[in-house]
Amino acid sequence: MPIYEYWCMDCGRKSSYLLLRISESFEPICKHCKSNKLSKLISRVNVVKSEESRLESLADPSKFGDLDENDPKSVARFMKRMGKELGEDLGEDFDQMVDEAMEKGDLGEEEL
């Protein structure tokens, strides 16, 4: 079931439409201003990755480019990014700990 997105040339807003059948005829109308002057957008594609491919991407050295292990804020950002990459919810305790580390980094504290 494809989702098509259109940009309205009149109001400049995006409208999304879920079509149950590709074969059905469809004339998009802006959901916001009801204009028919729409331009089709190229949407992002969501790809499901295997656990193995996610772990391989974590080993990519380019992921460590902006990591400064002496900066708690930098480490916290890195940990959040890695959690998202793994696609798993690490829990509220983890999120709270990362947020605290980022706050300490803002305050200029050296230790967690």
PDB file of N, CA and C in Angstrom:
ATOM      1  N   MET A   1       0.833  -1.174   0.000  1.00  0.00           N
ATOM      2  CA  MET A   1       0.000   0.000   0.000  1.00  0.00           C
ATOM      3  C   MET A   1       0.880   1.240   0.000  1.00  0.00           C
ATOM      4  N   PRO A   2       1.011   1.871  -1.104  1.00  0.00           N
ATOM      5  CA  PRO A   2       1.890   3.043  -1.188  1.00  0.00           C
ATOM      6  C   PRO A   2       1.271   4.293  -0.570  1.00  0.00           C
ATOM      7  N   ILE A   3       2.125   5.106  -0.006  1.00  0.00           N
ATOM      8  CA  ILE A   3       1.733   6.423   0.494  1.00  0.00           C
ATOM      9  C   ILE A   3       2.350   7.450  -0.449  1.00  0.00           C
ATOM     10  N   TYR A   4       1.505   8.276  -1.021  1.00  0.00           N
ATOM     11  CA  TYR A   4       1.977   9.310  -1.934  1.00  0.00           C
ATOM     12  C   TYR A   4       1.931  10.651  -1.223  1.00  0.00           C
ATOM     13  N   GLU A   5       2.964  11.459  -1.458  1.00  0.00           N
ATOM     14  CA  GLU A   5       3.040  12.783  -0.846  1.00  0.00           C
ATOM     15  C   GLU A   5       3.089  13.833  -1.948  1.00  0.00           C
ATOM     16  N   TYR A   6       2.382  14.928  -1.684  1.00  0.00           N
ATOM     17  CA  TYR A   6       2.308  16.026  -2.641  1.00  0.00           C
ATOM     18  C   TYR A   6       2.573  17.342  -1.926  1.00  0.00           C
ATOM     19  N   TRP A   7       3.213  18.269  -2.649  1.00  0.00           N
ATOM     20  CA  TRP A   7       3.480  19.616  -2.140  1.00  0.00           C
ATOM     21  C   TRP A   7       2.535  20.562  -2.855  1.00  0.00           C
ATOM     22  N   CYS A   8       1.832  21.368  -2.079  1.00  0.00           N
ATOM     23  CA  CYS A   8       0.867  22.316  -2.640  1.00  0.00           C
ATOM     24  C   CYS A   8       1.593  23.577  -3.103  1.00  0.00           C
ATOM     25  N   MET A   9       1.377  23.951  -4.340  1.00  0.00           N
ATOM     26  CA  MET A   9       2.029  25.141  -4.879  1.00  0.00           C
ATOM     27  C   MET A   9       1.338  26.419  -4.416  1.00  0.00           C
ATOM     28  N   ASP A  10       0.133  26.314  -3.860  1.00  0.00           N
ATOM     29  CA  ASP A  10      -0.571  27.499  -3.375  1.00  0.00           C
ATOM     30  C   ASP A  10      -0.228  27.806  -1.912  1.00  0.00           C
ATOM     31  N   CYS A  11      -0.351  26.812  -1.031  1.00  0.00           N
ATOM     32  CA  CYS A  11      -0.114  27.088   0.393  1.00  0.00           C
ATOM     33  C   CYS A  11       1.255  26.603   0.884  1.00  0.00           C
ATOM     34  N   GLY A  12       1.965  25.820   0.067  1.00  0.00           N
ATOM     35  CA  GLY A  12       3.305  25.375   0.430  1.00  0.00           C
ATOM     36  C   GLY A  12       3.345  24.278   1.490  1.00  0.00           C
ATOM     37  N   ARG A  13       2.243  23.578   1.681  1.00  0.00           N
ATOM     38  CA  ARG A  13       2.212  22.522   2.686  1.00  0.00           C
ATOM     39  C   ARG A  13       2.155  21.159   2.019  1.00  0.00           C
ATOM     40  N   LYS A  14       2.517  20.134   2.795  1.00  0.00           N
ATOM     41  CA  LYS A  14       2.569  18.774   2.278  1.00  0.00           C
ATOM     42  C   LYS A  14       1.306  18.018   2.679  1.00  0.00           C
ATOM     43  N   SER A  15       0.806  17.202   1.759  1.00  0.00           N
ATOM     44  CA  SER A  15      -0.332  16.327   2.017  1.00  0.00           C
ATOM     45  C   SER A  15       0.064  14.906   1.648  1.00  0.00           C
ATOM     46  N   SER A  16      -0.327  13.945   2.481  1.00  0.00           N
ATOM     47  CA  SER A  16      -0.018  12.534   2.246  1.00  0.00           C
ATOM     48  C   SER A  16      -1.301  11.761   2.020  1.00  0.00           C
ATOM     49  N   TYR A  17      -1.225  10.785   1.112  1.00  0.00           N
ATOM     50  CA  TYR A  17      -2.388   9.980   0.779  1.00  0.00           C
ATOM     51  C   TYR A  17      -1.994   8.510   0.718  1.00  0.00           C
ATOM     52  N   LEU A  18      -2.762   7.666   1.396  1.00  0.00           N
ATOM     53  CA  LEU A  18      -2.563   6.223   1.370  1.00  0.00           C
ATOM     54  C   LEU A  18      -3.525   5.650   0.348  1.00  0.00           C
ATOM     55  N   LEU A  19      -2.988   4.970  -0.658  1.00  0.00           N
ATOM     56  CA  LEU A  19      -3.830   4.356  -1.685  1.00  0.00           C
ATOM     57  C   LEU A  19      -3.829   2.847  -1.474  1.00  0.00           C
ATOM     58  N   LEU A  20      -5.023   2.288  -1.417  1.00  0.00           N
ATOM     59  CA  LEU A  20      -5.139   0.853  -1.204  1.00  0.00           C
ATOM     60  C   LEU A  20      -4.850   0.062  -2.472  1.00  0.00           C
ATOM     61  N   ARG A  21      -5.090   0.679  -3.614  1.00  0.00           N
ATOM     62  CA  ARG A  21      -4.787   0.032  -4.898  1.00  0.00           C
ATOM     63  C   ARG A  21      -4.071   1.034  -5.798  1.00  0.00           C
ATOM     64  N   ILE A  22      -3.009   0.595  -6.394  1.00  0.00           N
ATOM     65  CA  ILE A  22      -2.262   1.466  -7.315  1.00  0.00           C
ATOM     66  C   ILE A  22      -3.086   1.745  -8.560  1.00  0.00           C
ATOM     67  N   SER A  23      -3.910   0.794  -8.941  1.00  0.00           N
ATOM     68  CA  SER A  23      -4.654   0.912 -10.191  1.00  0.00           C
ATOM     69  C   SER A  23      -5.802   1.925 -10.131  1.00  0.00           C
ATOM     70  N   GLU A  24      -6.256   2.307  -8.943  1.00  0.00           N
ATOM     71  CA  GLU A  24      -7.379   3.241  -8.863  1.00  0.00           C
ATOM     72  C   GLU A  24      -6.947   4.646  -9.287  1.00  0.00           C
ATOM     73  N   SER A  25      -7.847   5.339  -9.971  1.00  0.00           N
ATOM     74  CA  SER A  25      -7.518   6.698 -10.391  1.00  0.00           C
ATOM     75  C   SER A  25      -7.578   7.617  -9.174  1.00  0.00           C
ATOM     76  N   PHE A  26      -6.687   8.606  -9.164  1.00  0.00           N
ATOM     77  CA  PHE A  26      -6.569   9.463  -7.996  1.00  0.00           C
ATOM     78  C   PHE A  26      -6.209  10.872  -8.436  1.00  0.00           C
ATOM     79  N   GLU A  27      -7.011  11.832  -8.045  1.00  0.00           N
ATOM     80  CA  GLU A  27      -6.753  13.244  -8.305  1.00  0.00           C
ATOM     81  C   GLU A  27      -6.519  13.915  -6.953  1.00  0.00           C
ATOM     82  N   PRO A  28      -5.268  14.186  -6.598  1.00  0.00           N
ATOM     83  CA  PRO A  28      -4.983  14.756  -5.279  1.00  0.00           C
ATOM     84  C   PRO A  28      -5.464  16.195  -5.156  1.00  0.00           C
ATOM     85  N   ILE A  29      -5.964  16.506  -3.962  1.00  0.00           N
ATOM     86  CA  ILE A  29      -6.375  17.863  -3.606  1.00  0.00           C
ATOM     87  C   ILE A  29      -5.726  18.173  -2.264  1.00  0.00           C
ATOM     88  N   CYS A  30      -5.184  19.359  -2.130  1.00  0.00           N
ATOM     89  CA  CYS A  30      -4.519  19.761  -0.888  1.00  0.00           C
ATOM     90  C   CYS A  30      -5.473  19.631   0.295  1.00  0.00           C
ATOM     91  N   LYS A  31      -5.019  18.965   1.336  1.00  0.00           N
ATOM     92  CA  LYS A  31      -5.841  18.780   2.532  1.00  0.00           C
ATOM     93  C   LYS A  31      -5.996  20.074   3.327  1.00  0.00           C
ATOM     94  N   HIS A  32      -5.152  21.053   3.051  1.00  0.00           N
ATOM     95  CA  HIS A  32      -5.138  22.279   3.840  1.00  0.00           C
ATOM     96  C   HIS A  32      -5.920  23.412   3.175  1.00  0.00           C
ATOM     97  N   CYS A  33      -5.677  23.634   1.874  1.00  0.00           N
ATOM     98  CA  CYS A  33      -6.336  24.762   1.203  1.00  0.00           C
ATOM     99  C   CYS A  33      -7.256  24.328   0.058  1.00  0.00           C
ATOM    100  N   LYS A  34      -7.334  23.032  -0.170  1.00  0.00           N
ATOM    101  CA  LYS A  34      -8.219  22.441  -1.194  1.00  0.00           C
ATOM    102  C   LYS A  34      -7.813  22.773  -2.629  1.00  0.00           C
ATOM    103  N   SER A  35      -6.571  23.206  -2.821  1.00  0.00           N
ATOM    104  CA  SER A  35      -6.078  23.509  -4.161  1.00  0.00           C
ATOM    105  C   SER A  35      -5.783  22.200  -4.899  1.00  0.00           C
ATOM    106  N   ASN A  36      -5.857  22.258  -6.236  1.00  0.00           N
ATOM    107  CA  ASN A  36      -5.485  21.091  -7.033  1.00  0.00           C
ATOM    108  C   ASN A  36      -4.125  21.289  -7.709  1.00  0.00           C
ATOM    109  N   LYS A  37      -3.419  22.362  -7.333  1.00  0.00           N
ATOM    110  CA  LYS A  37      -2.087  22.642  -7.881  1.00  0.00           C
ATOM    111  C   LYS A  37      -1.040  21.969  -6.986  1.00  0.00           C
ATOM    112  N   LEU A  38      -0.847  20.672  -7.203  1.00  0.00           N
ATOM    113  CA  LEU A  38       0.057  19.891  -6.376  1.00  0.00           C
ATOM    114  C   LEU A  38       1.185  19.310  -7.204  1.00  0.00           C
ATOM    115  N   SER A  39       2.322  19.182  -6.569  1.00  0.00           N
ATOM    116  CA  SER A  39       3.493  18.579  -7.193  1.00  0.00           C
ATOM    117  C   SER A  39       3.860  17.338  -6.387  1.00  0.00           C
ATOM    118  N   LYS A  40       4.041  16.220  -7.063  1.00  0.00           N
ATOM    119  CA  LYS A  40       4.349  14.969  -6.379  1.00  0.00           C
ATOM    120  C   LYS A  40       5.764  15.014  -5.811  1.00  0.00           C
ATOM    121  N   LEU A  41       5.903  14.571  -4.564  1.00  0.00           N
ATOM    122  CA  LEU A  41       7.199  14.544  -3.893  1.00  0.00           C
ATOM    123  C   LEU A  41       7.793  13.142  -3.944  1.00  0.00           C
ATOM    124  N   ILE A  42       9.092  13.077  -3.907  1.00  0.00           N
ATOM    125  CA  ILE A  42       9.769  11.785  -3.780  1.00  0.00           C
ATOM    126  C   ILE A  42       9.933  11.534  -2.295  1.00  0.00           C
ATOM    127  N   SER A  43       9.301  10.488  -1.813  1.00  0.00           N
ATOM    128  CA  SER A  43       9.292  10.191  -0.388  1.00  0.00           C
ATOM    129  C   SER A  43      10.487   9.331  -0.002  1.00  0.00           C
ATOM    130  N   ARG A  44      10.811   9.402   1.286  1.00  0.00           N
ATOM    131  CA  ARG A  44      11.844   8.532   1.824  1.00  0.00           C
ATOM    132  C   ARG A  44      11.320   7.103   1.842  1.00  0.00           C
ATOM    133  N   VAL A  45      12.217   6.172   1.672  1.00  0.00           N
ATOM    134  CA  VAL A  45      11.863   4.765   1.699  1.00  0.00           C
ATOM    135  C   VAL A  45      12.311   4.198   3.024  1.00  0.00           C
ATOM    136  N   ASN A  46      11.455   3.438   3.658  1.00  0.00           N
ATOM    137  CA  ASN A  46      11.793   2.809   4.929  1.00  0.00           C
ATOM    138  C   ASN A  46      12.241   1.384   4.643  1.00  0.00           C
ATOM    139  N   VAL A  47      13.458   1.049   5.028  1.00  0.00           N
ATOM    140  CA  VAL A  47      14.010  -0.271   4.789  1.00  0.00           C
ATOM    141  C   VAL A  47      14.209  -0.960   6.123  1.00  0.00           C
ATOM    142  N   VAL A  48      13.715  -2.177   6.217  1.00  0.00           N
ATOM    143  CA  VAL A  48      13.897  -2.955   7.433  1.00  0.00           C
ATOM    144  C   VAL A  48      15.263  -3.624   7.357  1.00  0.00           C
ATOM    145  N   LYS A  49      16.092  -3.368   8.381  1.00  0.00           N
ATOM    146  CA  LYS A  49      17.432  -3.944   8.411  1.00  0.00           C
ATOM    147  C   LYS A  49      17.471  -5.138   9.343  1.00  0.00           C
ATOM    148  N   SER A  50      18.297  -6.103   8.992  1.00  0.00           N
ATOM    149  CA  SER A  50      18.491  -7.241   9.882  1.00  0.00           C
ATOM    150  C   SER A  50      19.381  -6.802  11.044  1.00  0.00           C
ATOM    151  N   GLU A  51      19.373  -7.577  12.097  1.00  0.00           N
ATOM    152  CA  GLU A  51      20.218  -7.253  13.248  1.00  0.00           C
ATOM    153  C   GLU A  51      21.690  -7.260  12.844  1.00  0.00           C
ATOM    154  N   GLU A  52      22.060  -8.183  11.981  1.00  0.00           N
ATOM    155  CA  GLU A  52      23.448  -8.268  11.528  1.00  0.00           C
ATOM    156  C   GLU A  52      23.872  -7.007  10.777  1.00  0.00           C
ATOM    157  N   SER A  53      23.010  -6.510   9.888  1.00  0.00           N
ATOM    158  CA  SER A  53      23.368  -5.310   9.125  1.00  0.00           C
ATOM    159  C   SER A  53      23.419  -4.077  10.029  1.00  0.00           C
ATOM    160  N   ARG A  54      22.551  -4.018  11.070  1.00  0.00           N
ATOM    161  CA  ARG A  54      22.607  -2.901  12.006  1.00  0.00           C
ATOM    162  C   ARG A  54      23.911  -2.925  12.794  1.00  0.00           C
ATOM    163  N   LEU A  55      24.340  -4.110  13.223  1.00  0.00           N
ATOM    164  CA  LEU A  55      25.603  -4.220  13.970  1.00  0.00           C
ATOM    165  C   LEU A  55      26.803  -3.877  13.088  1.00  0.00           C
ATOM    166  N   GLU A  56      26.739  -4.270  11.813  1.00  0.00           N
ATOM    167  CA  GLU A  56      27.816  -3.920  10.889  1.00  0.00           C
ATOM    168  C   GLU A  56      27.914  -2.409  10.707  1.00  0.00           C
ATOM    169  N   SER A  57      26.772  -1.747  10.631  1.00  0.00           N
ATOM    170  CA  SER A  57      26.799  -0.291  10.448  1.00  0.00           C
ATOM    171  C   SER A  57      27.368   0.401  11.690  1.00  0.00           C
ATOM    172  N   LEU A  58      27.190  -0.198  12.865  1.00  0.00           N
ATOM    173  CA  LEU A  58      27.752   0.379  14.087  1.00  0.00           C
ATOM    174  C   LEU A  58      29.277   0.307  14.095  1.00  0.00           C
ATOM    175  N   ALA A  59      29.825  -0.660  13.379  1.00  0.00           N
ATOM    176  CA  ALA A  59      31.281  -0.820  13.340  1.00  0.00           C
ATOM    177  C   ALA A  59      31.937   0.141  12.357  1.00  0.00           C
ATOM    178  N   ASP A  60      31.146   0.893  11.616  1.00  0.00           N
ATOM    179  CA  ASP A  60      31.674   1.840  10.635  1.00  0.00           C
ATOM    180  C   ASP A  60      32.429   2.961  11.350  1.00  0.00           C
ATOM    181  N   PRO A  61      33.722   3.145  11.049  1.00  0.00           N
ATOM    182  CA  PRO A  61      34.526   4.173  11.732  1.00  0.00           C
ATOM    183  C   PRO A  61      33.998   5.597  11.541  1.00  0.00           C
ATOM    184  N   SER A  62      33.256   5.847  10.482  1.00  0.00           N
ATOM    185  CA  SER A  62      32.731   7.202  10.263  1.00  0.00           C
ATOM    186  C   SER A  62      31.689   7.581  11.318  1.00  0.00           C
ATOM    187  N   LYS A  63      31.124   6.602  11.997  1.00  0.00           N
ATOM    188  CA  LYS A  63      30.149   6.879  13.063  1.00  0.00           C
ATOM    189  C   LYS A  63      30.817   7.511  14.289  1.00  0.00           C
ATOM    190  N   PHE A  64      32.135   7.387  14.395  1.00  0.00           N
ATOM    191  CA  PHE A  64      32.863   7.882  15.560  1.00  0.00           C
ATOM    192  C   PHE A  64      33.524   9.236  15.306  1.00  0.00           C
ATOM    193  N   GLY A  65      33.282   9.860  14.154  1.00  0.00           N
ATOM    194  CA  GLY A  65      33.963  11.080  13.761  1.00  0.00           C
ATOM    195  C   GLY A  65      33.833  12.237  14.727  1.00  0.00           C
ATOM    196  N   ASP A  66      32.654  12.443  15.305  1.00  0.00           N
ATOM    197  CA  ASP A  66      32.461  13.594  16.188  1.00  0.00           C
ATOM    198  C   ASP A  66      32.427  13.199  17.658  1.00  0.00           C
ATOM    199  N   LEU A  67      32.889  11.995  17.990  1.00  0.00           N
ATOM    200  CA  LEU A  67      32.886  11.517  19.374  1.00  0.00           C
ATOM    201  C   LEU A  67      34.131  12.011  20.109  1.00  0.00           C
ATOM    202  N   ASP A  68      33.919  12.700  21.213  1.00  0.00           N
ATOM    203  CA  ASP A  68      34.997  13.124  22.097  1.00  0.00           C
ATOM    204  C   ASP A  68      34.745  12.464  23.446  1.00  0.00           C
ATOM    205  N   GLU A  69      35.510  11.414  23.747  1.00  0.00           N
ATOM    206  CA  GLU A  69      35.269  10.639  24.960  1.00  0.00           C
ATOM    207  C   GLU A  69      35.501  11.434  26.241  1.00  0.00           C
ATOM    208  N   ASN A  70      36.111  12.597  26.157  1.00  0.00           N
ATOM    209  CA  ASN A  70      36.323  13.449  27.322  1.00  0.00           C
ATOM    210  C   ASN A  70      35.187  14.458  27.543  1.00  0.00           C
ATOM    211  N   ASP A  71      34.226  14.456  26.638  1.00  0.00           N
ATOM    212  CA  ASP A  71      33.103  15.384  26.706  1.00  0.00           C
ATOM    213  C   ASP A  71      31.818  14.597  26.951  1.00  0.00           C
ATOM    214  N   PRO A  72      31.210  14.713  28.156  1.00  0.00           N
ATOM    215  CA  PRO A  72      29.997  13.953  28.459  1.00  0.00           C
ATOM    216  C   PRO A  72      28.854  14.204  27.474  1.00  0.00           C
ATOM    217  N   LYS A  73      28.738  15.422  26.994  1.00  0.00           N
ATOM    218  CA  LYS A  73      27.672  15.744  26.049  1.00  0.00           C
ATOM    219  C   LYS A  73      27.880  15.002  24.726  1.00  0.00           C
ATOM    220  N   SER A  74      29.118  14.929  24.276  1.00  0.00           N
ATOM    221  CA  SER A  74      29.442  14.218  23.047  1.00  0.00           C
ATOM    222  C   SER A  74      29.155  12.725  23.189  1.00  0.00           C
ATOM    223  N   VAL A  75      29.516  12.155  24.323  1.00  0.00           N
ATOM    224  CA  VAL A  75      29.265  10.735  24.569  1.00  0.00           C
ATOM    225  C   VAL A  75      27.764  10.479  24.650  1.00  0.00           C
ATOM    226  N   ALA A  76      27.020  11.371  25.279  1.00  0.00           N
ATOM    227  CA  ALA A  76      25.572  11.225  25.392  1.00  0.00           C
ATOM    228  C   ALA A  76      24.911  11.252  24.013  1.00  0.00           C
ATOM    229  N   ARG A  77      25.324  12.188  23.153  1.00  0.00           N
ATOM    230  CA  ARG A  77      24.779  12.242  21.795  1.00  0.00           C
ATOM    231  C   ARG A  77      25.083  10.951  21.045  1.00  0.00           C
ATOM    232  N   PHE A  78      26.310  10.449  21.206  1.00  0.00           N
ATOM    233  CA  PHE A  78      26.724   9.214  20.554  1.00  0.00           C
ATOM    234  C   PHE A  78      25.857   8.042  21.026  1.00  0.00           C
ATOM    235  N   MET A  79      25.600   7.959  22.327  1.00  0.00           N
ATOM    236  CA  MET A  79      24.810   6.864  22.876  1.00  0.00           C
ATOM    237  C   MET A  79      23.365   6.922  22.365  1.00  0.00           C
ATOM    238  N   LYS A  80      22.803   8.107  22.271  1.00  0.00           N
ATOM    239  CA  LYS A  80      21.445   8.236  21.732  1.00  0.00           C
ATOM    240  C   LYS A  80      21.409   7.795  20.272  1.00  0.00           C
ATOM    241  N   ARG A  81      22.410   8.203  19.509  1.00  0.00           N
ATOM    242  CA  ARG A  81      22.469   7.832  18.093  1.00  0.00           C
ATOM    243  C   ARG A  81      22.597   6.319  17.939  1.00  0.00           C
ATOM    244  N   MET A  82      23.419   5.697  18.770  1.00  0.00           N
ATOM    245  CA  MET A  82      23.602   4.248  18.692  1.00  0.00           C
ATOM    246  C   MET A  82      22.322   3.515  19.113  1.00  0.00           C
ATOM    247  N   GLY A  83      21.625   4.044  20.106  1.00  0.00           N
ATOM    248  CA  GLY A  83      20.362   3.438  20.511  1.00  0.00           C
ATOM    249  C   GLY A  83      19.348   3.466  19.391  1.00  0.00           C
ATOM    250  N   LYS A  84      19.280   4.584  18.676  1.00  0.00           N
ATOM    251  CA  LYS A  84      18.365   4.686  17.538  1.00  0.00           C
ATOM    252  C   LYS A  84      18.786   3.736  16.420  1.00  0.00           C
ATOM    253  N   GLU A  85      20.090   3.622  16.199  1.00  0.00           N
ATOM    254  CA  GLU A  85      20.606   2.739  15.159  1.00  0.00           C
ATOM    255  C   GLU A  85      20.236   1.288  15.445  1.00  0.00           C
ATOM    256  N   LEU A  86      20.273   0.914  16.715  1.00  0.00           N
ATOM    257  CA  LEU A  86      19.910  -0.453  17.087  1.00  0.00           C
ATOM    258  C   LEU A  86      18.414  -0.685  16.983  1.00  0.00           C
ATOM    259  N   GLY A  87      17.648   0.402  17.000  1.00  0.00           N
ATOM    260  CA  GLY A  87      16.209   0.283  16.856  1.00  0.00           C
ATOM    261  C   GLY A  87      15.519  -0.300  18.067  1.00  0.00           C
ATOM    262  N   GLU A  88      16.155  -0.182  19.195  1.00  0.00           N
ATOM    263  CA  GLU A  88      15.572  -0.742  20.407  1.00  0.00           C
ATOM    264  C   GLU A  88      15.360   0.354  21.435  1.00  0.00           C
ATOM    265  N   ASP A  89      14.314   0.180  22.224  1.00  0.00           N
ATOM    266  CA  ASP A  89      14.040   1.105  23.309  1.00  0.00           C
ATOM    267  C   ASP A  89      14.889   0.677  24.501  1.00  0.00           C
ATOM    268  N   LEU A  90      15.811   1.517  24.906  1.00  0.00           N
ATOM    269  CA  LEU A  90      16.714   1.176  25.998  1.00  0.00           C
ATOM    270  C   LEU A  90      16.146   1.558  27.352  1.00  0.00           C
ATOM    271  N   GLY A  91      14.945   2.081  27.363  1.00  0.00           N
ATOM    272  CA  GLY A  91      14.259   2.370  28.608  1.00  0.00           C
ATOM    273  C   GLY A  91      14.402   3.807  29.061  1.00  0.00           C
ATOM    274  N   GLU A  92      13.500   4.192  29.976  1.00  0.00           N
ATOM    275  CA  GLU A  92      13.496   5.556  30.487  1.00  0.00           C
ATOM    276  C   GLU A  92      14.733   5.849  31.323  1.00  0.00           C
ATOM    277  N   ASP A  93      15.241   4.846  32.045  1.00  0.00           N
ATOM    278  CA  ASP A  93      16.437   5.047  32.864  1.00  0.00           C
ATOM    279  C   ASP A  93      17.622   5.447  31.996  1.00  0.00           C
ATOM    280  N   PHE A  94      17.764   4.780  30.855  1.00  0.00           N
ATOM    281  CA  PHE A  94      18.866   5.105  29.951  1.00  0.00           C
ATOM    282  C   PHE A  94      18.711   6.518  29.410  1.00  0.00           C
ATOM    283  N   ASP A  95      17.495   6.847  28.952  1.00  0.00           N
ATOM    284  CA  ASP A  95      17.249   8.187  28.417  1.00  0.00           C
ATOM    285  C   ASP A  95      17.522   9.259  29.472  1.00  0.00           C
ATOM    286  N   GLN A  96      17.107   9.002  30.715  1.00  0.00           N
ATOM    287  CA  GLN A  96      17.334   9.959  31.795  1.00  0.00           C
ATOM    288  C   GLN A  96      18.829  10.130  32.055  1.00  0.00           C
ATOM    289  N   MET A  97      19.568   9.016  32.046  1.00  0.00           N
ATOM    290  CA  MET A  97      21.006   9.070  32.278  1.00  0.00           C
ATOM    291  C   MET A  97      21.712   9.861  31.171  1.00  0.00           C
ATOM    292  N   VAL A  98      21.307   9.638  29.933  1.00  0.00           N
ATOM    293  CA  VAL A  98      21.902  10.351  28.802  1.00  0.00           C
ATOM    294  C   VAL A  98      21.580  11.840  28.884  1.00  0.00           C
ATOM    295  N   ASP A  99      20.330  12.169  29.225  1.00  0.00           N
ATOM    296  CA  ASP A  99      19.950  13.578  29.350  1.00  0.00           C
ATOM    297  C   ASP A  99      20.737  14.269  30.467  1.00  0.00           C
ATOM    298  N   GLU A 100      20.948  13.567  31.583  1.00  0.00           N
ATOM    299  CA  GLU A 100      21.738  14.129  32.682  1.00  0.00           C
ATOM    300  C   GLU A 100      23.177  14.375  32.242  1.00  0.00           C
ATOM    301  N   ALA A 101      23.732  13.448  31.476  1.00  0.00           N
ATOM    302  CA  ALA A 101      25.100  13.609  30.980  1.00  0.00           C
ATOM    303  C   ALA A 101      25.194  14.819  30.054  1.00  0.00           C
ATOM    304  N   MET A 102      24.162  15.022  29.240  1.00  0.00           N
ATOM    305  CA  MET A 102      24.175  16.172  28.343  1.00  0.00           C
ATOM    306  C   MET A 102      24.082  17.476  29.135  1.00  0.00           C
ATOM    307  N   GLU A 103      23.261  17.473  30.197  1.00  0.00           N
ATOM    308  CA  GLU A 103      23.148  18.669  31.039  1.00  0.00           C
ATOM    309  C   GLU A 103      24.476  18.966  31.722  1.00  0.00           C
ATOM    310  N   LYS A 104      25.147  17.933  32.202  1.00  0.00           N
ATOM    311  CA  LYS A 104      26.441  18.130  32.853  1.00  0.00           C
ATOM    312  C   LYS A 104      27.467  18.644  31.857  1.00  0.00           C
ATOM    313  N   GLY A 105      27.360  18.178  30.629  1.00  0.00           N
ATOM    314  CA  GLY A 105      28.258  18.678  29.596  1.00  0.00           C
ATOM    315  C   GLY A 105      28.029  20.158  29.346  1.00  0.00           C
ATOM    316  N   ASP A 106      26.758  20.578  29.417  1.00  0.00           N
ATOM    317  CA  ASP A 106      26.430  22.004  29.250  1.00  0.00           C
ATOM    318  C   ASP A 106      26.999  22.834  30.392  1.00  0.00           C
ATOM    319  N   LEU A 107      27.021  22.252  31.595  1.00  0.00           N
ATOM    320  CA  LEU A 107      27.518  22.970  32.760  1.00  0.00           C
ATOM    321  C   LEU A 107      29.052  22.983  32.832  1.00  0.00           C
ATOM    322  N   GLY A 108      29.674  22.165  31.994  1.00  0.00           N
ATOM    323  CA  GLY A 108      31.133  22.126  31.971  1.00  0.00           C
ATOM    324  C   GLY A 108      31.737  21.225  33.020  1.00  0.00           C
ATOM    325  N   GLU A 109      30.933  20.323  33.589  1.00  0.00           N
ATOM    326  CA  GLU A 109      31.458  19.417  34.587  1.00  0.00           C
ATOM    327  C   GLU A 109      32.250  18.311  33.914  1.00  0.00           C
ATOM    328  N   GLU A 110      33.307  17.868  34.559  1.00  0.00           N
ATOM    329  CA  GLU A 110      34.188  16.862  33.992  1.00  0.00           C
ATOM    330  C   GLU A 110      33.692  15.453  34.264  1.00  0.00           C
ATOM    331  N   GLU A 111      33.023  15.224  35.393  1.00  0.00           N
ATOM    332  CA  GLU A 111      32.647  13.866  35.779  1.00  0.00           C
ATOM    333  C   GLU A 111      31.149  13.701  35.674  1.00  0.00           C
ATOM    334  N   LEU A 112      30.722  12.448  35.454  1.00  0.00           N
ATOM    335  CA  LEU A 112      29.293  12.137  35.417  1.00  0.00           C
ATOM    336  C   LEU A 112      28.787  11.970  36.789  1.00  0.00           C
TER     337      LEU A 112
END
